[in-house]
Structures are given as C-alpha cells and as structure tokens.
Amino acid sequence: MSHFAKVENGIVTQVIVAEQDVIDSGLFGTGWVQTSYNTRAGQHPEGRPLRKNYAGVGFTYDSTRDAFIPPQPYASWTLNETTCLWEYPVAYPTEGGPFVWDEAVTNWVLPEDLTPPAEQPIIIQAAGSYLETPAETVVVDSGNSSSADTISASTGDLVIDLGSNGADSVPGGV
C-alpha cells in the first residue's frame, strides 16, 4: 500500500492509503499525488525520498519542485529550497528552555515571556451574531437578561457573568 495526497488548486485536501491500481482506476477521482510517509526534508531512511516531505492536509504541492511544502508558520521564516521546510531566522538556543517562537520580537523566548498579541480582535459569538473589538473587555448582549454581559479578556481566568446563570470560570483565560 502507498500513501496518496489529493491535491486541489495546489493544496493538499486529503491523504489516504491505497493501492496504485485503485488510484489509477479513478474510483476516487483525479488529482492524487503519491507521498512517502518516511520522507522528511528530502531524506528517507532507505535512501529513496519522494517529494521532499510527507504530505499533510493544508500543505502545498509545488509541481515545479515536485515537493510537498508545509504551511509557513510565521511570516519571518524562510523556505529552505533544498528541504522545502521553513527555517527560523534565529537559531534555537542551545541552553535553557524550552523556548517558543515570538514573532513580535522575531526570536525564541521562554513561554512566560511571550509577547501578548497587540490589540488583536476578540470575537465572541452569542445569539447567532458576533461582536469584534480590540478592547480588553467585551460587552456582549446575550438577549437573555435586561443588562449586557461582561467578559474580561485579561490574562488569568476568564470570568463570564451570564446574569441569572451566575459566574462561570474558565481556566487559562482567552
């Protein structure tokens, strides 16, 4: 059995395991490209790499390079043309950690030092509609009470007061 990626408009939408003759029969339609489960960065343990990387849903299939390329994780990362993987602009630290990438400072940081998203919209869906605001506090009218409900979007616990339902606490914030 082999692995095949369904490629639509250059994007992988599905990966399946099938026999080549089943794919060739057209039973599952067209647009299937074989991929190797054991290939990463153009390397294969048995020395037979196929299309640079094992395909995943959301990957791009570049027919010019004959390669599967994962989605770019951050705008500052660049594509390595040899491996068809994304590389960070700053080397991962060799001591300490674990570290996470902070795109705001384009560097590795400890998780507790991660820069909070600057004025990112907070989207809350209630009663079939949504409210989008860059504020740290979102006021949502749920239609279930005479006053608006307040959701605090600060770090720590998220407290939702839904009027007659009392306060519910969700660990970890938003």
N, C-alpha and C. Protein backbone atom coordinates (compact mmCIF):
# COMPACT_ATOMS: atom_id res chain seq x y z
N MET A 1 0.85 -1.19 0.00
CA MET A 1 0.00 0.00 0.00
C MET A 1 0.88 1.24 0.00
N SER A 2 0.35 2.28 -0.58
CA SER A 2 1.07 3.54 -0.67
C SER A 2 0.18 4.67 -0.15
N HIS A 3 0.80 5.80 0.14
CA HIS A 3 0.08 7.00 0.57
C HIS A 3 -0.08 7.93 -0.62
N PHE A 4 -1.27 8.53 -0.71
CA PHE A 4 -1.56 9.46 -1.79
C PHE A 4 -2.21 10.71 -1.23
N ALA A 5 -1.84 11.87 -1.78
CA ALA A 5 -2.41 13.15 -1.36
C ALA A 5 -3.33 13.66 -2.46
N LYS A 6 -4.53 14.07 -2.09
CA LYS A 6 -5.47 14.70 -3.01
C LYS A 6 -5.06 16.17 -3.09
N VAL A 7 -4.72 16.63 -4.29
CA VAL A 7 -4.26 18.00 -4.47
C VAL A 7 -5.29 18.76 -5.31
N GLU A 8 -5.83 19.82 -4.72
CA GLU A 8 -6.80 20.66 -5.40
C GLU A 8 -6.29 22.09 -5.39
N ASN A 9 -6.07 22.65 -6.58
CA ASN A 9 -5.54 24.00 -6.73
C ASN A 9 -4.22 24.17 -5.97
N GLY A 10 -3.39 23.12 -5.97
CA GLY A 10 -2.08 23.19 -5.35
C GLY A 10 -2.05 22.92 -3.86
N ILE A 11 -3.21 22.68 -3.24
CA ILE A 11 -3.30 22.47 -1.79
C ILE A 11 -3.75 21.04 -1.50
N VAL A 12 -3.10 20.39 -0.54
CA VAL A 12 -3.47 19.04 -0.14
C VAL A 12 -4.75 19.11 0.70
N THR A 13 -5.78 18.37 0.27
CA THR A 13 -7.05 18.38 0.98
C THR A 13 -7.33 17.05 1.69
N GLN A 14 -6.56 16.01 1.35
CA GLN A 14 -6.79 14.70 1.94
C GLN A 14 -5.57 13.83 1.69
N VAL A 15 -5.27 12.92 2.61
CA VAL A 15 -4.20 11.94 2.43
C VAL A 15 -4.80 10.57 2.76
N ILE A 16 -4.60 9.61 1.85
CA ILE A 16 -5.16 8.27 2.06
C ILE A 16 -4.09 7.21 1.80
N VAL A 17 -4.40 5.98 2.23
CA VAL A 17 -3.57 4.82 1.92
C VAL A 17 -4.35 3.98 0.92
N ALA A 18 -3.73 3.66 -0.20
CA ALA A 18 -4.41 2.88 -1.24
C ALA A 18 -3.38 2.20 -2.13
N GLU A 19 -3.86 1.24 -2.90
CA GLU A 19 -3.03 0.60 -3.91
C GLU A 19 -2.99 1.51 -5.14
N GLN A 20 -1.89 1.49 -5.85
CA GLN A 20 -1.72 2.32 -7.04
C GLN A 20 -2.82 2.04 -8.07
N ASP A 21 -3.21 0.76 -8.25
CA ASP A 21 -4.23 0.44 -9.25
C ASP A 21 -5.60 1.02 -8.88
N VAL A 22 -5.89 1.18 -7.58
CA VAL A 22 -7.15 1.81 -7.16
C VAL A 22 -7.12 3.29 -7.54
N ILE A 23 -6.01 3.95 -7.30
CA ILE A 23 -5.87 5.36 -7.69
C ILE A 23 -5.99 5.50 -9.20
N ASP A 24 -5.29 4.61 -9.93
CA ASP A 24 -5.32 4.64 -11.39
C ASP A 24 -6.71 4.37 -11.96
N SER A 25 -7.56 3.64 -11.22
CA SER A 25 -8.90 3.32 -11.70
C SER A 25 -9.81 4.54 -11.75
N GLY A 26 -9.46 5.59 -11.02
CA GLY A 26 -10.29 6.79 -10.97
C GLY A 26 -11.44 6.70 -9.99
N LEU A 27 -11.49 5.64 -9.21
CA LEU A 27 -12.55 5.43 -8.24
C LEU A 27 -12.70 6.61 -7.29
N PHE A 28 -11.59 7.23 -6.92
CA PHE A 28 -11.60 8.39 -6.01
C PHE A 28 -11.40 9.71 -6.74
N GLY A 29 -11.58 9.72 -8.03
CA GLY A 29 -11.41 10.94 -8.81
C GLY A 29 -9.96 11.13 -9.23
N THR A 30 -9.65 12.34 -9.61
CA THR A 30 -8.30 12.66 -10.09
C THR A 30 -7.60 13.61 -9.13
N GLY A 31 -6.35 13.91 -9.42
CA GLY A 31 -5.59 14.87 -8.61
C GLY A 31 -4.81 14.24 -7.48
N TRP A 32 -4.59 12.92 -7.52
CA TRP A 32 -3.84 12.23 -6.46
C TRP A 32 -2.36 12.20 -6.78
N VAL A 33 -1.55 12.53 -5.79
CA VAL A 33 -0.09 12.55 -5.94
C VAL A 33 0.48 11.66 -4.84
N GLN A 34 1.35 10.72 -5.21
CA GLN A 34 1.91 9.82 -4.21
C GLN A 34 2.85 10.58 -3.28
N THR A 35 2.83 10.18 -2.01
CA THR A 35 3.68 10.77 -0.99
C THR A 35 4.27 9.64 -0.15
N SER A 36 5.41 9.87 0.46
CA SER A 36 6.07 8.84 1.25
C SER A 36 6.04 9.20 2.73
N TYR A 37 5.46 8.31 3.52
CA TYR A 37 5.34 8.50 4.96
C TYR A 37 6.71 8.66 5.63
N ASN A 38 7.74 8.10 5.03
CA ASN A 38 9.08 8.12 5.63
C ASN A 38 9.99 9.23 5.08
N THR A 39 9.45 10.13 4.28
CA THR A 39 10.27 11.20 3.71
C THR A 39 10.08 12.50 4.50
N ARG A 40 11.20 13.09 4.89
CA ARG A 40 11.18 14.40 5.56
C ARG A 40 12.46 15.13 5.17
N ALA A 41 12.29 16.39 4.76
CA ALA A 41 13.43 17.25 4.39
C ALA A 41 14.27 16.61 3.28
N GLY A 42 13.61 15.89 2.39
CA GLY A 42 14.31 15.29 1.26
C GLY A 42 15.12 14.06 1.64
N GLN A 43 14.89 13.52 2.83
CA GLN A 43 15.62 12.35 3.32
C GLN A 43 14.64 11.20 3.55
N HIS A 44 15.13 9.99 3.30
CA HIS A 44 14.35 8.77 3.54
C HIS A 44 15.31 7.75 4.14
N PRO A 45 14.89 7.00 5.18
CA PRO A 45 15.82 6.07 5.83
C PRO A 45 16.38 5.00 4.90
N GLU A 46 15.66 4.70 3.84
CA GLU A 46 16.14 3.70 2.88
C GLU A 46 16.75 4.33 1.64
N GLY A 47 16.97 5.64 1.69
CA GLY A 47 17.63 6.34 0.58
C GLY A 47 16.77 6.58 -0.64
N ARG A 48 15.45 6.57 -0.48
CA ARG A 48 14.56 6.82 -1.62
C ARG A 48 13.51 7.88 -1.28
N PRO A 49 13.94 9.12 -1.09
CA PRO A 49 12.99 10.19 -0.74
C PRO A 49 12.02 10.45 -1.89
N LEU A 50 10.82 10.85 -1.53
CA LEU A 50 9.79 11.15 -2.52
C LEU A 50 9.14 12.48 -2.19
N ARG A 51 9.30 13.44 -3.06
CA ARG A 51 8.65 14.75 -2.97
C ARG A 51 8.96 15.53 -1.69
N LYS A 52 10.20 15.44 -1.27
CA LYS A 52 10.78 16.24 -0.16
C LYS A 52 10.19 15.97 1.22
N ASN A 53 8.84 15.93 1.35
CA ASN A 53 8.20 15.76 2.65
C ASN A 53 6.92 14.96 2.50
N TYR A 54 6.57 14.23 3.55
CA TYR A 54 5.28 13.55 3.59
C TYR A 54 4.19 14.61 3.58
N ALA A 55 3.19 14.44 2.74
CA ALA A 55 2.11 15.41 2.61
C ALA A 55 1.21 15.43 3.83
N GLY A 56 0.65 16.58 4.12
CA GLY A 56 -0.34 16.74 5.17
C GLY A 56 -1.43 17.67 4.66
N VAL A 57 -2.62 17.56 5.22
CA VAL A 57 -3.70 18.45 4.83
C VAL A 57 -3.26 19.89 5.07
N GLY A 58 -3.45 20.73 4.08
CA GLY A 58 -3.04 22.13 4.16
C GLY A 58 -1.67 22.40 3.56
N PHE A 59 -0.91 21.35 3.28
CA PHE A 59 0.39 21.53 2.62
C PHE A 59 0.16 22.00 1.19
N THR A 60 1.18 22.60 0.61
CA THR A 60 1.16 22.98 -0.79
C THR A 60 1.92 21.91 -1.57
N TYR A 61 1.39 21.55 -2.74
CA TYR A 61 2.17 20.70 -3.64
C TYR A 61 2.70 21.60 -4.73
N ASP A 62 4.02 21.73 -4.79
CA ASP A 62 4.69 22.55 -5.80
C ASP A 62 5.17 21.61 -6.90
N SER A 63 4.49 21.62 -8.04
CA SER A 63 4.83 20.70 -9.12
C SER A 63 6.17 21.04 -9.77
N THR A 64 6.59 22.28 -9.71
CA THR A 64 7.90 22.67 -10.26
C THR A 64 9.01 22.04 -9.44
N ARG A 65 8.90 22.10 -8.13
CA ARG A 65 9.90 21.49 -7.23
C ARG A 65 9.62 20.00 -7.03
N ASP A 66 8.42 19.54 -7.42
CA ASP A 66 7.92 18.20 -7.14
C ASP A 66 8.06 17.92 -5.65
N ALA A 67 7.45 18.82 -4.86
CA ALA A 67 7.63 18.77 -3.41
C ALA A 67 6.36 19.17 -2.67
N PHE A 68 6.16 18.54 -1.52
CA PHE A 68 5.11 18.95 -0.59
C PHE A 68 5.75 19.91 0.42
N ILE A 69 5.11 21.07 0.61
CA ILE A 69 5.64 22.11 1.48
C ILE A 69 4.60 22.43 2.56
N PRO A 70 4.99 22.34 3.84
CA PRO A 70 4.04 22.66 4.90
C PRO A 70 3.68 24.15 4.89
N PRO A 71 2.57 24.52 5.54
CA PRO A 71 2.22 25.94 5.62
C PRO A 71 3.31 26.73 6.36
N GLN A 72 3.52 27.96 5.95
CA GLN A 72 4.52 28.81 6.60
C GLN A 72 4.03 29.16 8.01
N PRO A 73 4.79 28.78 9.05
CA PRO A 73 4.31 29.02 10.42
C PRO A 73 4.33 30.48 10.83
N TYR A 74 5.31 31.24 10.36
CA TYR A 74 5.42 32.66 10.70
C TYR A 74 5.96 33.41 9.49
N ALA A 75 5.59 34.67 9.38
CA ALA A 75 6.00 35.49 8.23
C ALA A 75 7.51 35.66 8.14
N SER A 76 8.21 35.62 9.27
CA SER A 76 9.66 35.84 9.26
C SER A 76 10.45 34.59 8.86
N TRP A 77 9.82 33.44 8.84
CA TRP A 77 10.52 32.20 8.49
C TRP A 77 10.64 32.07 6.98
N THR A 78 11.75 31.53 6.51
CA THR A 78 12.01 31.42 5.06
C THR A 78 12.08 29.96 4.64
N LEU A 79 11.74 29.73 3.39
CA LEU A 79 11.73 28.37 2.85
C LEU A 79 13.14 27.94 2.46
N ASN A 80 13.55 26.78 2.97
CA ASN A 80 14.81 26.18 2.57
C ASN A 80 14.53 25.44 1.26
N GLU A 81 15.16 25.87 0.19
CA GLU A 81 14.89 25.31 -1.14
C GLU A 81 15.32 23.85 -1.26
N THR A 82 16.27 23.42 -0.47
CA THR A 82 16.75 22.04 -0.53
C THR A 82 15.80 21.08 0.18
N THR A 83 15.35 21.46 1.38
CA THR A 83 14.50 20.59 2.18
C THR A 83 13.01 20.85 2.00
N CYS A 84 12.67 22.04 1.49
CA CYS A 84 11.28 22.50 1.38
C CYS A 84 10.59 22.54 2.74
N LEU A 85 11.36 22.91 3.76
CA LEU A 85 10.84 23.17 5.10
C LEU A 85 11.14 24.62 5.46
N TRP A 86 10.37 25.17 6.39
CA TRP A 86 10.54 26.55 6.81
C TRP A 86 11.61 26.65 7.89
N GLU A 87 12.47 27.65 7.77
CA GLU A 87 13.55 27.85 8.74
C GLU A 87 13.37 29.16 9.46
N TYR A 88 13.65 29.14 10.75
CA TYR A 88 13.54 30.35 11.56
C TYR A 88 14.77 31.23 11.34
N PRO A 89 14.61 32.54 11.46
CA PRO A 89 15.71 33.46 11.18
C PRO A 89 16.76 33.53 12.28
N VAL A 90 16.46 32.97 13.46
CA VAL A 90 17.38 32.99 14.60
C VAL A 90 17.51 31.55 15.09
N ALA A 91 18.74 31.12 15.32
CA ALA A 91 18.97 29.74 15.78
C ALA A 91 18.28 29.47 17.11
N TYR A 92 17.79 28.25 17.28
CA TYR A 92 17.17 27.83 18.54
C TYR A 92 18.26 27.81 19.61
N PRO A 93 18.01 28.37 20.79
CA PRO A 93 19.02 28.40 21.85
C PRO A 93 19.46 26.99 22.25
N THR A 94 20.72 26.85 22.57
CA THR A 94 21.26 25.54 22.95
C THR A 94 21.20 25.28 24.45
N GLU A 95 20.95 26.31 25.23
CA GLU A 95 20.86 26.16 26.68
C GLU A 95 19.56 26.75 27.20
N GLY A 96 19.05 26.16 28.29
CA GLY A 96 17.82 26.65 28.88
C GLY A 96 16.61 26.11 28.16
N GLY A 97 15.51 26.79 28.35
CA GLY A 97 14.30 26.42 27.64
C GLY A 97 13.38 25.56 28.46
N PRO A 98 12.33 25.07 27.90
CA PRO A 98 12.02 25.10 26.48
C PRO A 98 11.63 26.50 26.02
N PHE A 99 11.81 26.74 24.73
CA PHE A 99 11.53 28.05 24.15
C PHE A 99 10.39 27.96 23.16
N VAL A 100 9.73 29.08 22.93
CA VAL A 100 8.70 29.20 21.91
C VAL A 100 9.08 30.37 21.01
N TRP A 101 8.60 30.35 19.78
CA TRP A 101 8.88 31.43 18.85
C TRP A 101 7.95 32.60 19.14
N ASP A 102 8.51 33.81 19.21
CA ASP A 102 7.73 35.03 19.40
C ASP A 102 7.91 35.88 18.16
N GLU A 103 6.93 35.88 17.31
CA GLU A 103 7.01 36.61 16.03
C GLU A 103 7.13 38.11 16.25
N ALA A 104 6.57 38.63 17.35
CA ALA A 104 6.62 40.08 17.62
C ALA A 104 8.05 40.58 17.78
N VAL A 105 8.94 39.73 18.31
CA VAL A 105 10.34 40.12 18.50
C VAL A 105 11.27 39.30 17.61
N THR A 106 10.68 38.45 16.77
CA THR A 106 11.41 37.53 15.88
C THR A 106 12.59 36.86 16.60
N ASN A 107 12.23 36.17 17.70
CA ASN A 107 13.25 35.46 18.47
C ASN A 107 12.58 34.40 19.34
N TRP A 108 13.41 33.51 19.89
CA TRP A 108 12.96 32.49 20.81
C TRP A 108 12.87 33.07 22.21
N VAL A 109 11.79 32.79 22.92
CA VAL A 109 11.60 33.28 24.28
C VAL A 109 11.05 32.15 25.13
N LEU A 110 11.17 32.31 26.45
CA LEU A 110 10.51 31.40 27.37
C LEU A 110 9.01 31.64 27.27
N PRO A 111 8.19 30.62 27.44
CA PRO A 111 6.74 30.81 27.30
C PRO A 111 6.17 31.95 28.13
N GLU A 112 6.68 32.14 29.34
CA GLU A 112 6.16 33.21 30.19
C GLU A 112 6.56 34.61 29.69
N ASP A 113 7.53 34.68 28.78
CA ASP A 113 7.96 35.97 28.23
C ASP A 113 7.35 36.27 26.87
N LEU A 114 6.44 35.42 26.41
CA LEU A 114 5.81 35.60 25.11
C LEU A 114 5.06 36.92 25.06
N THR A 115 5.26 37.68 24.01
CA THR A 115 4.60 38.97 23.85
C THR A 115 3.12 38.75 23.60
N PRO A 116 2.24 39.37 24.41
CA PRO A 116 0.81 39.20 24.17
C PRO A 116 0.43 39.84 22.83
N PRO A 117 -0.56 39.28 22.15
CA PRO A 117 -0.98 39.87 20.88
C PRO A 117 -1.42 41.31 21.09
N ALA A 118 -0.91 42.20 20.25
CA ALA A 118 -1.21 43.63 20.39
C ALA A 118 -2.57 43.94 19.77
N GLU A 119 -3.49 44.33 20.63
CA GLU A 119 -4.81 44.80 20.19
C GLU A 119 -5.43 43.88 19.14
N GLN A 120 -5.31 42.57 19.34
CA GLN A 120 -5.94 41.63 18.43
C GLN A 120 -7.44 41.63 18.69
N PRO A 121 -8.24 41.51 17.65
CA PRO A 121 -9.68 41.49 17.88
C PRO A 121 -10.08 40.27 18.70
N ILE A 122 -11.04 40.45 19.55
CA ILE A 122 -11.62 39.35 20.32
C ILE A 122 -13.00 39.12 19.70
N ILE A 123 -13.26 37.91 19.28
CA ILE A 123 -14.52 37.63 18.63
C ILE A 123 -15.34 36.71 19.53
N ILE A 124 -16.51 37.16 19.88
CA ILE A 124 -17.42 36.40 20.73
C ILE A 124 -18.70 36.17 19.93
N GLN A 125 -19.16 34.92 19.89
CA GLN A 125 -20.42 34.65 19.21
C GLN A 125 -21.49 34.41 20.26
N ALA A 126 -22.60 35.12 20.12
CA ALA A 126 -23.73 34.96 21.04
C ALA A 126 -25.01 35.22 20.27
N ALA A 127 -25.98 34.38 20.47
CA ALA A 127 -27.30 34.54 19.87
C ALA A 127 -27.23 34.70 18.36
N GLY A 128 -26.35 33.92 17.71
CA GLY A 128 -26.30 33.90 16.26
C GLY A 128 -25.58 35.07 15.62
N SER A 129 -24.98 35.97 16.39
CA SER A 129 -24.23 37.07 15.82
C SER A 129 -22.90 37.17 16.54
N TYR A 130 -22.01 38.00 16.04
CA TYR A 130 -20.73 38.15 16.72
C TYR A 130 -20.37 39.60 16.89
N LEU A 131 -19.51 39.83 17.87
CA LEU A 131 -19.02 41.16 18.19
C LEU A 131 -17.51 41.11 18.09
N GLU A 132 -16.92 42.02 17.38
CA GLU A 132 -15.46 42.05 17.25
C GLU A 132 -14.96 43.37 17.79
N THR A 133 -14.01 43.30 18.72
CA THR A 133 -13.48 44.51 19.33
C THR A 133 -12.04 44.30 19.78
N PRO A 134 -11.20 45.33 19.68
CA PRO A 134 -9.83 45.18 20.17
C PRO A 134 -9.71 45.46 21.67
N ALA A 135 -10.81 45.73 22.32
CA ALA A 135 -10.77 46.09 23.75
C ALA A 135 -10.41 44.88 24.60
N GLU A 136 -9.95 45.15 25.83
CA GLU A 136 -9.64 44.07 26.75
C GLU A 136 -10.91 43.56 27.43
N THR A 137 -11.96 44.34 27.41
CA THR A 137 -13.24 43.90 27.97
C THR A 137 -14.27 43.95 26.87
N VAL A 138 -15.00 42.86 26.73
CA VAL A 138 -16.00 42.76 25.68
C VAL A 138 -17.36 42.74 26.35
N VAL A 139 -18.27 43.55 25.87
CA VAL A 139 -19.62 43.55 26.39
C VAL A 139 -20.50 42.86 25.36
N VAL A 140 -21.18 41.80 25.79
CA VAL A 140 -22.00 41.01 24.88
C VAL A 140 -23.44 41.04 25.36
N ASP A 141 -24.34 41.34 24.47
CA ASP A 141 -25.76 41.28 24.81
C ASP A 141 -26.26 39.91 24.37
N SER A 142 -26.48 39.02 25.32
CA SER A 142 -26.91 37.66 25.01
C SER A 142 -28.40 37.59 24.72
N GLY A 143 -29.12 38.65 25.00
CA GLY A 143 -30.56 38.64 24.80
C GLY A 143 -31.31 37.91 25.90
N ASN A 144 -30.57 37.38 26.89
CA ASN A 144 -31.19 36.62 27.97
C ASN A 144 -31.38 37.41 29.25
N SER A 145 -30.91 38.65 29.29
CA SER A 145 -31.06 39.42 30.52
C SER A 145 -31.30 40.87 30.15
N SER A 146 -31.71 41.63 31.13
CA SER A 146 -32.01 43.03 30.86
C SER A 146 -30.75 43.88 30.74
N SER A 147 -29.62 43.37 31.24
CA SER A 147 -28.36 44.11 31.12
C SER A 147 -27.37 43.32 30.29
N ALA A 148 -26.38 43.99 29.79
CA ALA A 148 -25.36 43.33 28.98
C ALA A 148 -24.45 42.48 29.85
N ASP A 149 -23.89 41.43 29.28
CA ASP A 149 -22.98 40.54 29.99
C ASP A 149 -21.55 40.99 29.70
N THR A 150 -20.67 40.91 30.69
CA THR A 150 -19.30 41.36 30.54
C THR A 150 -18.34 40.18 30.59
N ILE A 151 -17.42 40.16 29.66
CA ILE A 151 -16.40 39.13 29.63
C ILE A 151 -15.06 39.83 29.72
N SER A 152 -14.29 39.53 30.76
CA SER A 152 -12.98 40.14 30.93
C SER A 152 -11.96 39.32 30.17
N ALA A 153 -11.21 39.94 29.29
CA ALA A 153 -10.24 39.24 28.46
C ALA A 153 -8.82 39.44 28.95
N SER A 154 -8.67 39.66 30.24
CA SER A 154 -7.32 39.82 30.78
C SER A 154 -6.67 38.45 30.94
N THR A 155 -5.38 38.44 31.27
CA THR A 155 -4.70 37.17 31.49
C THR A 155 -5.23 36.53 32.76
N GLY A 156 -5.06 35.23 32.89
CA GLY A 156 -5.57 34.51 34.04
C GLY A 156 -6.89 33.86 33.70
N ASP A 157 -7.78 33.78 34.69
CA ASP A 157 -9.06 33.13 34.46
C ASP A 157 -10.01 34.04 33.73
N LEU A 158 -10.82 33.44 32.86
CA LEU A 158 -11.86 34.16 32.15
C LEU A 158 -13.14 34.00 32.95
N VAL A 159 -13.75 35.11 33.33
CA VAL A 159 -14.98 35.05 34.11
C VAL A 159 -16.11 35.54 33.23
N ILE A 160 -17.13 34.70 33.10
CA ILE A 160 -18.28 35.05 32.27
C ILE A 160 -19.49 35.16 33.19
N ASP A 161 -20.10 36.34 33.23
CA ASP A 161 -21.29 36.54 34.04
C ASP A 161 -22.48 36.58 33.11
N LEU A 162 -23.30 35.56 33.17
CA LEU A 162 -24.45 35.48 32.29
C LEU A 162 -25.75 35.77 33.04
N GLY A 163 -25.69 36.77 33.86
CA GLY A 163 -26.89 37.22 34.57
C GLY A 163 -27.41 36.18 35.53
N SER A 164 -28.58 35.64 35.24
CA SER A 164 -29.24 34.71 36.16
C SER A 164 -28.49 33.39 36.32
N ASN A 165 -27.58 33.07 35.40
CA ASN A 165 -26.83 31.82 35.49
C ASN A 165 -25.67 31.93 36.47
N GLY A 166 -25.36 33.10 36.99
CA GLY A 166 -24.23 33.28 37.89
C GLY A 166 -22.95 33.40 37.10
N ALA A 167 -21.81 33.24 37.78
CA ALA A 167 -20.50 33.37 37.14
C ALA A 167 -19.88 32.01 36.89
N ASP A 168 -19.37 31.82 35.70
CA ASP A 168 -18.64 30.61 35.35
C ASP A 168 -17.19 31.01 35.12
N SER A 169 -16.27 30.16 35.54
CA SER A 169 -14.85 30.47 35.39
C SER A 169 -14.21 29.45 34.47
N VAL A 170 -13.46 29.93 33.51
CA VAL A 170 -12.76 29.06 32.57
C VAL A 170 -11.27 29.27 32.77
N PRO A 171 -10.52 28.26 33.26
CA PRO A 171 -9.07 28.43 33.50
C PRO A 171 -8.32 28.76 32.22
N GLY A 172 -7.28 29.53 32.34
CA GLY A 172 -6.38 29.80 31.22
C GLY A 172 -6.68 31.06 30.45
N GLY A 173 -7.73 31.74 30.72
CA GLY A 173 -8.03 32.98 30.00
C GLY A 173 -8.50 32.72 28.61
N VAL A 174 -8.43 33.75 27.74
CA VAL A 174 -8.91 33.64 26.37
C VAL A 174 -7.79 33.41 25.42
